[in-house]
């Protein structure tokens, strides 16, 4: 009996609890419905205010831009007018420039200095520099074949002068005519000037090595080859008969098998002649 009463009591309590819960829920929903529209209205009002403010700022910005454009256009017009005015002033100034004249009066210096005249620059003409080269004057030297020449070195003739019959050249191993004489001599032996003359040239020739040419006058020349490069004369020197010209060097590669020697040649008007006929 007691258990049934308890169950009935609990059932009655559940009804009241459920009723209370429903009332609370309805109350909360009502509050939410009443508060939410106000917040939405506030947000909408704030958004509208922001839009209005943005439109006002845009209008101000556009107005400032228009005013600045107008001001810049006015400044450009003013600067263009000033430039045009300056150009007119420059043109007028250039047309009024007077030619400058140079004073041609005498300028008097201090003390005992001589008077100088300043001439106009337009009257000064460039002067051409003329360089005159003095002709080479050879000494008055002559050669008489009757006076004969000295032997440049003492030694045997290895290859004689021969312009008619070809002679044999050992190193080259062939025959050819010979316009000079090859005189046997030792390396370092002195070479003498055959007769008085002037040193015309000093050259290095592949066949005859260091070669000296001396002019003796009347078209006669003597040529000395196979010399050491340390010579006792130079080009233009006036040399005497019997003067030391230089020393014998080793033969060139064209005459290695001929041993050391002096190449000696004499010409008359550039034609080779037999040196033996002129040597005493």
C-alpha atoms as a PDB file:
ATOM      1  CA  UNK A   1       0.000   0.000   0.000  1.00  0.00           C
ATOM      2  CA  UNK A   2       2.835   2.309   0.787  1.00  0.00           C
ATOM      3  CA  UNK A   3       4.621   1.615  -2.483  1.00  0.00           C
ATOM      4  CA  UNK A   4       1.573   2.542  -4.513  1.00  0.00           C
ATOM      5  CA  UNK A   5       1.274   5.860  -2.694  1.00  0.00           C
ATOM      6  CA  UNK A   6       4.888   6.674  -3.411  1.00  0.00           C
ATOM      7  CA  UNK A   7       4.485   5.950  -7.123  1.00  0.00           C
ATOM      8  CA  UNK A   8       1.429   8.154  -7.298  1.00  0.00           C
ATOM      9  CA  UNK A   9       3.281  10.922  -5.500  1.00  0.00           C
ATOM     10  CA  UNK A  10       6.210  10.760  -7.939  1.00  0.00           C
ATOM     11  CA  UNK A  11       3.896  10.897 -10.924  1.00  0.00           C
ATOM     12  CA  UNK A  12       2.272  14.031  -9.555  1.00  0.00           C
ATOM     13  CA  UNK A  13       5.715  15.649  -9.006  1.00  0.00           C
ATOM     14  CA  UNK A  14       6.830  14.830 -12.575  1.00  0.00           C
ATOM     15  CA  UNK A  15       3.910  16.762 -13.989  1.00  0.00           C
ATOM     16  CA  UNK A  16       4.835  19.853 -12.039  1.00  0.00           C
ATOM     17  CA  UNK A  17       8.484  19.521 -12.968  1.00  0.00           C
ATOM     18  CA  UNK A  18       7.639  19.236 -16.644  1.00  0.00           C
ATOM     19  CA  UNK A  19       5.329  22.225 -16.430  1.00  0.00           C
ATOM     20  CA  UNK A  20       8.007  24.259 -14.737  1.00  0.00           C
ATOM     21  CA  UNK A  21      10.570  23.340 -17.352  1.00  0.00           C
ATOM     22  CA  UNK A  22       8.242  24.373 -20.193  1.00  0.00           C
ATOM     23  CA  UNK A  23       7.569  27.717 -18.595  1.00  0.00           C
ATOM     24  CA  UNK A  24      11.267  28.435 -18.174  1.00  0.00           C
ATOM     25  CA  UNK A  25      11.936  27.501 -21.775  1.00  0.00           C
ATOM     26  CA  UNK A  26       9.171  29.753 -23.093  1.00  0.00           C
ATOM     27  CA  UNK A  27      10.492  32.599 -20.943  1.00  0.00           C
ATOM     28  CA  UNK A  28      14.021  32.248 -22.299  1.00  0.00           C
ATOM     29  CA  UNK A  29      12.802  32.097 -25.887  1.00  0.00           C
ATOM     30  CA  UNK A  30      10.783  35.266 -25.347  1.00  0.00           C
ATOM     31  CA  UNK A  31      13.813  37.047 -23.948  1.00  0.00           C
ATOM     32  CA  UNK A  32      15.952  35.976 -26.905  1.00  0.00           C
ATOM     33  CA  UNK A  33      13.346  37.090 -29.401  1.00  0.00           C
ATOM     34  CA  UNK A  34      13.008  40.461 -27.679  1.00  0.00           C
ATOM     35  CA  UNK A  35      16.831  41.145 -27.354  1.00  0.00           C
ATOM     36  CA  UNK A  36      18.084  39.917 -30.788  1.00  0.00           C
ATOM     37  CA  UNK A  37      16.204  42.490 -32.965  1.00  0.00           C
ATOM     38  CA  UNK A  38      17.683  45.323 -30.939  1.00  0.00           C
ATOM     39  CA  UNK A  39      21.241  44.078 -31.523  1.00  0.00           C
ATOM     40  CA  UNK A  40      20.568  43.617 -35.248  1.00  0.00           C
ATOM     41  CA  UNK A  41      19.148  47.149 -35.443  1.00  0.00           C
ATOM     42  CA  UNK A  42      22.278  48.491 -33.748  1.00  0.00           C
ATOM     43  CA  UNK A  43      24.557  46.676 -36.234  1.00  0.00           C
ATOM     44  CA  UNK A  44      22.519  47.924 -39.192  1.00  0.00           C
ATOM     45  CA  UNK A  45      22.628  51.467 -37.854  1.00  0.00           C
ATOM     46  CA  UNK A  46      26.382  51.300 -37.394  1.00  0.00           C
ATOM     47  CA  UNK A  47      26.841  49.933 -40.930  1.00  0.00           C
ATOM     48  CA  UNK A  48      24.692  52.709 -42.348  1.00  0.00           C
ATOM     49  CA  UNK A  49      26.718  55.269 -40.434  1.00  0.00           C
ATOM     50  CA  UNK A  50      29.978  53.838 -41.805  1.00  0.00           C
ATOM     51  CA  UNK A  51      28.642  53.940 -45.359  1.00  0.00           C
ATOM     52  CA  UNK A  52      27.583  57.539 -44.945  1.00  0.00           C
ATOM     53  CA  UNK A  53      31.015  58.454 -43.580  1.00  0.00           C
ATOM     54  CA  UNK A  54      32.742  56.664 -46.486  1.00  0.00           C
ATOM     55  CA  UNK A  55      30.626  58.503 -49.029  1.00  0.00           C
ATOM     56  CA  UNK A  56      31.455  61.832 -47.413  1.00  0.00           C
ATOM     57  CA  UNK A  57      35.211  61.007 -47.448  1.00  0.00           C
ATOM     58  CA  UNK A  58      35.006  59.970 -51.112  1.00  0.00           C
ATOM     59  CA  UNK A  59      33.264  63.187 -52.010  1.00  0.00           C
ATOM     60  CA  UNK A  60      35.940  65.193 -50.202  1.00  0.00           C
ATOM     61  CA  UNK A  61      38.697  63.222 -51.969  1.00  0.00           C
ATOM     62  CA  UNK A  62      37.132  63.809 -55.396  1.00  0.00           C
ATOM     63  CA  UNK A  63      36.768  67.515 -54.620  1.00  0.00           C
ATOM     64  CA  UNK A  64      40.453  67.753 -53.598  1.00  0.00           C
ATOM     65  CA  UNK A  65      41.583  65.948 -56.741  1.00  0.00           C
ATOM     66  CA  UNK A  66      39.593  68.304 -58.965  1.00  0.00           C
ATOM     67  CA  UNK A  67      41.017  71.328 -57.160  1.00  0.00           C
ATOM     68  CA  UNK A  68      44.582  69.968 -57.466  1.00  0.00           C
ATOM     69  CA  UNK A  69      44.144  69.292 -61.202  1.00  0.00           C
ATOM     70  CA  UNK A  70      42.891  72.815 -61.740  1.00  0.00           C
ATOM     71  CA  UNK A  71      45.818  74.225 -59.769  1.00  0.00           C
ATOM     72  CA  UNK A  72      48.402  72.130 -61.675  1.00  0.00           C
ATOM     73  CA  UNK A  73      46.874  73.199 -65.004  1.00  0.00           C
ATOM     74  CA  UNK A  74      47.141  76.809 -63.983  1.00  0.00           C
ATOM     75  CA  UNK A  75      50.789  76.345 -62.947  1.00  0.00           C
ATOM     76  CA  UNK A  76      51.632  74.648 -66.273  1.00  0.00           C
ATOM     77  CA  UNK A  77      50.020  77.486 -68.180  1.00  0.00           C
ATOM     78  CA  UNK A  78      51.959  80.019 -66.117  1.00  0.00           C
ATOM     79  CA  UNK A  79      55.294  78.150 -66.650  1.00  0.00           C
ATOM     80  CA  UNK A  80      54.611  77.848 -70.386  1.00  0.00           C
ATOM     81  CA  UNK A  81      53.957  81.574 -70.539  1.00  0.00           C
ATOM     82  CA  UNK A  82      57.206  82.221 -68.632  1.00  0.00           C
ATOM     83  CA  UNK A  83      59.185  79.913 -70.956  1.00  0.00           C
ATOM     84  CA  UNK A  84      57.742  81.600 -73.989  1.00  0.00           C
ATOM     85  CA  UNK A  85      58.608  84.977 -72.480  1.00  0.00           C
ATOM     86  CA  UNK A  86      62.166  83.794 -71.720  1.00  0.00           C
ATOM     87  CA  UNK A  87      62.607  82.512 -75.285  1.00  0.00           C
ATOM     88  CA  UNK A  88      61.507  85.883 -76.628  1.00  0.00           C
ATOM     89  CA  UNK A  89      63.981  87.563 -74.268  1.00  0.00           C
ATOM     90  CA  UNK A  90      66.778  85.244 -75.425  1.00  0.00           C
ATOM     91  CA  UNK A  91      65.977  85.920 -79.075  1.00  0.00           C
ATOM     92  CA  UNK A  92      65.964  89.635 -78.456  1.00  0.00           C
ATOM     93  CA  UNK A  93      69.193  89.427 -76.496  1.00  0.00           C
ATOM     94  CA  UNK A  94      70.904  87.358 -79.225  1.00  0.00           C
ATOM     95  CA  UNK A  95      69.869  89.824 -81.874  1.00  0.00           C
ATOM     96  CA  UNK A  96      71.322  92.669 -79.861  1.00  0.00           C
ATOM     97  CA  UNK A  97      74.784  91.051 -79.313  1.00  0.00           C
ATOM     98  CA  UNK A  98      77.445  93.189 -80.931  1.00  0.00           C
ATOM     99  CA  UNK A  99      80.557  91.666 -82.518  1.00  0.00           C
ATOM    100  CA  UNK A 100      83.654  91.738 -80.333  1.00  0.00           C
ATOM    101  CA  UNK A 101      86.614  93.540 -81.803  1.00  0.00           C
ATOM    102  CA  UNK A 102      90.174  92.961 -80.700  1.00  0.00           C
ATOM    103  CA  UNK A 103      92.247  95.979 -79.937  1.00  0.00           C
ATOM    104  CA  UNK A 104      95.100  96.303 -82.418  1.00  0.00           C
ATOM    105  CA  UNK A 105      96.835  99.092 -80.564  1.00  0.00           C
ATOM    106  CA  UNK A 106     100.382  98.605 -79.397  1.00  0.00           C
ATOM    107  CA  UNK A 107     100.831  97.120 -75.961  1.00  0.00           C
ATOM    108  CA  UNK A 108     103.624  98.794 -74.045  1.00  0.00           C
ATOM    109  CA  UNK A 109     105.505  96.607 -71.571  1.00  0.00           C
ATOM    110  CA  UNK A 110     107.313  97.664 -68.443  1.00  0.00           C
ATOM    111  CA  UNK A 111     110.971  98.626 -68.352  1.00  0.00           C
ATOM    112  CA  UNK A 112     112.982  98.136 -71.531  1.00  0.00           C
ATOM    113  CA  UNK A 113     110.650  95.489 -73.066  1.00  0.00           C
ATOM    114  CA  UNK A 114     109.936  96.029 -76.732  1.00  0.00           C
ATOM    115  CA  UNK A 115     106.481  97.011 -77.939  1.00  0.00           C
ATOM    116  CA  UNK A 116     104.293  94.163 -79.133  1.00  0.00           C
ATOM    117  CA  UNK A 117     101.316  94.366 -81.445  1.00  0.00           C
ATOM    118  CA  UNK A 118      98.287  92.215 -80.763  1.00  0.00           C
ATOM    119  CA  UNK A 119      96.713  91.258 -84.083  1.00  0.00           C
ATOM    120  CA  UNK A 120      93.246  89.971 -84.683  1.00  0.00           C
ATOM    121  CA  UNK A 121      92.878  86.189 -84.321  1.00  0.00           C
ATOM    122  CA  UNK A 122      91.058  85.977 -87.629  1.00  0.00           C
ATOM    123  CA  UNK A 123      94.100  87.296 -89.471  1.00  0.00           C
ATOM    124  CA  UNK A 124      96.505  84.679 -88.040  1.00  0.00           C
ATOM    125  CA  UNK A 125      97.205  81.932 -90.554  1.00  0.00           C
ATOM    126  CA  UNK A 126      98.691  78.544 -89.607  1.00  0.00           C
ATOM    127  CA  UNK A 127     102.275  78.158 -90.687  1.00  0.00           C
ATOM    128  CA  UNK A 128     103.552  74.930 -92.182  1.00  0.00           C
ATOM    129  CA  UNK A 129     106.621  73.408 -90.630  1.00  0.00           C
ATOM    130  CA  UNK A 130     109.131  72.478 -93.280  1.00  0.00           C
ATOM    131  CA  UNK A 131     111.733  69.957 -92.205  1.00  0.00           C
ATOM    132  CA  UNK A 132     114.791  70.044 -94.380  1.00  0.00           C
ATOM    133  CA  UNK A 133     117.048  67.008 -94.351  1.00  0.00           C
ATOM    134  CA  UNK A 134     120.616  67.791 -95.125  1.00  0.00           C
ATOM    135  CA  UNK A 135     122.046  65.558 -97.847  1.00  0.00           C
ATOM    136  CA  UNK A 136     124.672  63.048 -96.830  1.00  0.00           C
ATOM    137  CA  UNK A 137     127.980  64.420 -97.984  1.00  0.00           C
ATOM    138  CA  UNK A 138     130.619  61.774 -98.585  1.00  0.00           C
ATOM    139  CA  UNK A 139     134.227  62.727 -97.951  1.00  0.00           C
ATOM    140  CA  UNK A 140     136.262  63.530-101.016  1.00  0.00           C
ATOM    141  CA  UNK A 141     137.959  60.158-101.315  1.00  0.00           C
ATOM    142  CA  UNK A 142     139.285  58.482-104.430  1.00  0.00           C
ATOM    143  CA  UNK A 143     140.778  55.134-105.212  1.00  0.00           C
ATOM    144  CA  UNK A 144     143.429  54.519-107.841  1.00  0.00           C
ATOM    145  CA  UNK A 145     143.740  50.835-108.772  1.00  0.00           C
ATOM    146  CA  UNK A 146     147.442  51.403-109.312  1.00  0.00           C
ATOM    147  CA  UNK A 147     147.906  52.050-105.608  1.00  0.00           C
ATOM    148  CA  UNK A 148     146.745  48.504-104.816  1.00  0.00           C
ATOM    149  CA  UNK A 149     145.060  47.195-101.650  1.00  0.00           C
ATOM    150  CA  UNK A 150     146.296  45.348 -98.582  1.00  0.00           C
ATOM    151  CA  UNK A 151     145.422  41.772 -97.805  1.00  0.00           C
ATOM    152  CA  UNK A 152     142.696  41.991 -95.142  1.00  0.00           C
ATOM    153  CA  UNK A 153     144.014  38.780 -93.527  1.00  0.00           C
ATOM    154  CA  UNK A 154     146.932  36.502 -94.179  1.00  0.00           C
ATOM    155  CA  UNK A 155     145.976  32.997 -95.247  1.00  0.00           C
ATOM    156  CA  UNK A 156     145.444  30.584 -98.111  1.00  0.00           C
ATOM    157  CA  UNK A 157     142.672  31.114-100.653  1.00  0.00           C
ATOM    158  CA  UNK A 158     140.134  28.336-100.056  1.00  0.00           C
ATOM    159  CA  UNK A 159     137.781  29.247-102.912  1.00  0.00           C
ATOM    160  CA  UNK A 160     139.095  31.535-105.695  1.00  0.00           C
ATOM    161  CA  UNK A 161     137.257  34.242-107.579  1.00  0.00           C
ATOM    162  CA  UNK A 162     135.546  32.697-110.606  1.00  0.00           C
ATOM    163  CA  UNK A 163     132.751  34.306-112.607  1.00  0.00           C
ATOM    164  CA  UNK A 164     133.371  32.225-115.739  1.00  0.00           C
ATOM    165  CA  UNK A 165     133.727  28.667-114.437  1.00  0.00           C
ATOM    166  CA  UNK A 166     131.539  27.307-111.613  1.00  0.00           C
ATOM    167  CA  UNK A 167     133.394  26.150-108.541  1.00  0.00           C
ATOM    168  CA  UNK A 168     132.444  23.511-105.986  1.00  0.00           C
ATOM    169  CA  UNK A 169     131.034  24.551-102.596  1.00  0.00           C
ATOM    170  CA  UNK A 170     131.607  21.722-100.138  1.00  0.00           C
ATOM    171  CA  UNK A 171     128.864  22.491 -97.569  1.00  0.00           C
ATOM    172  CA  UNK A 172     126.142  23.061-100.166  1.00  0.00           C
ATOM    173  CA  UNK A 173     127.622  20.303-102.356  1.00  0.00           C
ATOM    174  CA  UNK A 174     126.959  22.066-105.622  1.00  0.00           C
ATOM    175  CA  UNK A 175     128.749  24.193-108.227  1.00  0.00           C
ATOM    176  CA  UNK A 176     128.222  27.894-108.855  1.00  0.00           C
ATOM    177  CA  UNK A 177     130.151  30.999-109.905  1.00  0.00           C
ATOM    178  CA  UNK A 178     132.000  32.846-107.163  1.00  0.00           C
ATOM    179  CA  UNK A 179     132.191  36.708-107.134  1.00  0.00           C
ATOM    180  CA  UNK A 180     134.565  36.816-104.117  1.00  0.00           C
ATOM    181  CA  UNK A 181     137.500  35.000-102.544  1.00  0.00           C
ATOM    182  CA  UNK A 182     137.411  32.908 -99.360  1.00  0.00           C
ATOM    183  CA  UNK A 183     140.624  33.395 -97.335  1.00  0.00           C
ATOM    184  CA  UNK A 184     141.482  30.882 -94.598  1.00  0.00           C
ATOM    185  CA  UNK A 185     141.863  32.474 -91.163  1.00  0.00           C
ATOM    186  CA  UNK A 186     141.437  31.646 -87.485  1.00  0.00           C
ATOM    187  CA  UNK A 187     138.490  32.642 -85.292  1.00  0.00           C
ATOM    188  CA  UNK A 188     139.382  35.892 -83.541  1.00  0.00           C
ATOM    189  CA  UNK A 189     142.003  36.898 -86.117  1.00  0.00           C
ATOM    190  CA  UNK A 190     142.143  40.624 -86.927  1.00  0.00           C
ATOM    191  CA  UNK A 191     140.682  41.876 -90.206  1.00  0.00           C
ATOM    192  CA  UNK A 192     142.281  44.999 -91.722  1.00  0.00           C
ATOM    193  CA  UNK A 193     140.824  47.656 -94.000  1.00  0.00           C
ATOM    194  CA  UNK A 194     142.139  47.029 -97.517  1.00  0.00           C
ATOM    195  CA  UNK A 195     142.363  50.736 -98.386  1.00  0.00           C
ATOM    196  CA  UNK A 196     141.078  54.126 -97.249  1.00  0.00           C
ATOM    197  CA  UNK A 197     137.305  54.657 -97.411  1.00  0.00           C
ATOM    198  CA  UNK A 198     134.063  55.260 -95.515  1.00  0.00           C
ATOM    199  CA  UNK A 199     131.942  52.568 -93.848  1.00  0.00           C
ATOM    200  CA  UNK A 200     128.795  52.474 -95.980  1.00  0.00           C
ATOM    201  CA  UNK A 201     126.804  49.706 -94.287  1.00  0.00           C
ATOM    202  CA  UNK A 202     126.903  46.976 -91.648  1.00  0.00           C
ATOM    203  CA  UNK A 203     124.458  44.115 -92.197  1.00  0.00           C
ATOM    204  CA  UNK A 204     123.865  40.520 -91.118  1.00  0.00           C
ATOM    205  CA  UNK A 205     123.491  38.295 -94.178  1.00  0.00           C
ATOM    206  CA  UNK A 206     122.471  34.611 -93.887  1.00  0.00           C
ATOM    207  CA  UNK A 207     125.281  33.377 -96.169  1.00  0.00           C
ATOM    208  CA  UNK A 208     128.149  35.653 -95.091  1.00  0.00           C
ATOM    209  CA  UNK A 209     127.106  36.544 -91.494  1.00  0.00           C
ATOM    210  CA  UNK A 210     128.072  40.012 -90.214  1.00  0.00           C
ATOM    211  CA  UNK A 211     129.091  41.864 -93.375  1.00  0.00           C
ATOM    212  CA  UNK A 212     130.722  45.316 -93.672  1.00  0.00           C
ATOM    213  CA  UNK A 213     130.780  47.365 -96.893  1.00  0.00           C
ATOM    214  CA  UNK A 214     133.352  50.174 -97.354  1.00  0.00           C
ATOM    215  CA  UNK A 215     133.167  52.758-100.133  1.00  0.00           C
ATOM    216  CA  UNK A 216     136.554  53.847-101.518  1.00  0.00           C
ATOM    217  CA  UNK A 217     135.544  56.365-104.163  1.00  0.00           C
ATOM    218  CA  UNK A 218     135.402  56.228-107.970  1.00  0.00           C
ATOM    219  CA  UNK A 219     132.729  53.477-107.691  1.00  0.00           C
ATOM    220  CA  UNK A 220     134.969  51.008-105.830  1.00  0.00           C
ATOM    221  CA  UNK A 221     133.753  49.108-102.783  1.00  0.00           C
ATOM    222  CA  UNK A 222     135.202  46.316-100.631  1.00  0.00           C
ATOM    223  CA  UNK A 223     132.980  43.830 -98.757  1.00  0.00           C
ATOM    224  CA  UNK A 224     134.058  41.806 -95.703  1.00  0.00           C
ATOM    225  CA  UNK A 225     132.019  38.825 -94.421  1.00  0.00           C
ATOM    226  CA  UNK A 226     132.076  36.179 -91.658  1.00  0.00           C
ATOM    227  CA  UNK A 227     132.979  38.826 -89.042  1.00  0.00           C
ATOM    228  CA  UNK A 228     132.323  38.854 -85.320  1.00  0.00           C
ATOM    229  CA  UNK A 229     129.468  41.186 -84.313  1.00  0.00           C
ATOM    230  CA  UNK A 230     131.824  43.148 -82.023  1.00  0.00           C
ATOM    231  CA  UNK A 231     133.251  45.439 -84.699  1.00  0.00           C
ATOM    232  CA  UNK A 232     135.794  48.219 -84.326  1.00  0.00           C
ATOM    233  CA  UNK A 233     133.932  50.576 -86.682  1.00  0.00           C
ATOM    234  CA  UNK A 234     130.406  51.838 -87.269  1.00  0.00           C
ATOM    235  CA  UNK A 235     128.456  53.146 -90.233  1.00  0.00           C
ATOM    236  CA  UNK A 236     129.729  56.518 -91.451  1.00  0.00           C
ATOM    237  CA  UNK A 237     133.239  56.111 -90.045  1.00  0.00           C
ATOM    238  CA  UNK A 238     136.154  57.251 -92.195  1.00  0.00           C
ATOM    239  CA  UNK A 239     138.674  54.411 -92.074  1.00  0.00           C
ATOM    240  CA  UNK A 240     142.302  54.304 -93.103  1.00  0.00           C
ATOM    241  CA  UNK A 241     144.275  51.680 -94.960  1.00  0.00           C
ATOM    242  CA  UNK A 242     145.467  48.936 -92.592  1.00  0.00           C
ATOM    243  CA  UNK A 243     143.039  49.971 -89.757  1.00  0.00           C
ATOM    244  CA  UNK A 244     141.524  47.126 -87.726  1.00  0.00           C
ATOM    245  CA  UNK A 245     137.990  46.531 -88.929  1.00  0.00           C
ATOM    246  CA  UNK A 246     136.992  43.617 -86.718  1.00  0.00           C
ATOM    247  CA  UNK A 247     137.700  39.941 -86.066  1.00  0.00           C
ATOM    248  CA  UNK A 248     136.905  36.613 -87.695  1.00  0.00           C
ATOM    249  CA  UNK A 249     133.913  34.656 -86.391  1.00  0.00           C
ATOM    250  CA  UNK A 250     132.730  31.096 -86.941  1.00  0.00           C
ATOM    251  CA  UNK A 251     131.441  30.474 -90.491  1.00  0.00           C
ATOM    252  CA  UNK A 252     127.725  30.606 -91.245  1.00  0.00           C
ATOM    253  CA  UNK A 253     125.736  27.414 -91.771  1.00  0.00           C
ATOM    254  CA  UNK A 254     126.244  27.744 -95.539  1.00  0.00           C
ATOM    255  CA  UNK A 255     130.023  27.230 -95.147  1.00  0.00           C
ATOM    256  CA  UNK A 256     130.434  25.068 -92.047  1.00  0.00           C
ATOM    257  CA  UNK A 257     132.602  22.516 -93.831  1.00  0.00           C
ATOM    258  CA  UNK A 258     134.900  25.268 -95.104  1.00  0.00           C
ATOM    259  CA  UNK A 259     136.138  26.047 -91.567  1.00  0.00           C
ATOM    260  CA  UNK A 260     136.757  29.630 -90.427  1.00  0.00           C
ATOM    261  CA  UNK A 261     137.565  32.130 -93.179  1.00  0.00           C
ATOM    262  CA  UNK A 262     137.123  35.702 -94.458  1.00  0.00           C
ATOM    263  CA  UNK A 263     134.678  36.422 -97.256  1.00  0.00           C
ATOM    264  CA  UNK A 264     136.299  39.229 -99.313  1.00  0.00           C
ATOM    265  CA  UNK A 265     134.680  40.842-102.336  1.00  0.00           C
ATOM    266  CA  UNK A 266     135.490  43.970-104.427  1.00  0.00           C
ATOM    267  CA  UNK A 267     133.060  45.711-106.793  1.00  0.00           C
ATOM    268  CA  UNK A 268     133.367  48.573-109.260  1.00  0.00           C
ATOM    269  CA  UNK A 269     130.062  50.317-110.024  1.00  0.00           C
ATOM    270  CA  UNK A 270     128.255  47.354-108.415  1.00  0.00           C
ATOM    271  CA  UNK A 271     129.980  44.777-110.665  1.00  0.00           C
ATOM    272  CA  UNK A 272     132.229  42.147-109.050  1.00  0.00           C
ATOM    273  CA  UNK A 273     135.910  42.210-109.999  1.00  0.00           C
ATOM    274  CA  UNK A 274     138.791  39.894-109.040  1.00  0.00           C
ATOM    275  CA  UNK A 275     140.220  41.113-105.696  1.00  0.00           C
ATOM    276  CA  UNK A 276     143.515  39.378-106.342  1.00  0.00           C
ATOM    277  CA  UNK A 277     144.258  41.786-109.197  1.00  0.00           C
ATOM    278  CA  UNK A 278     144.006  44.785-106.799  1.00  0.00           C
ATOM    279  CA  UNK A 279     145.978  43.364-103.898  1.00  0.00           C
ATOM    280  CA  UNK A 280     149.729  43.961-103.730  1.00  0.00           C
END
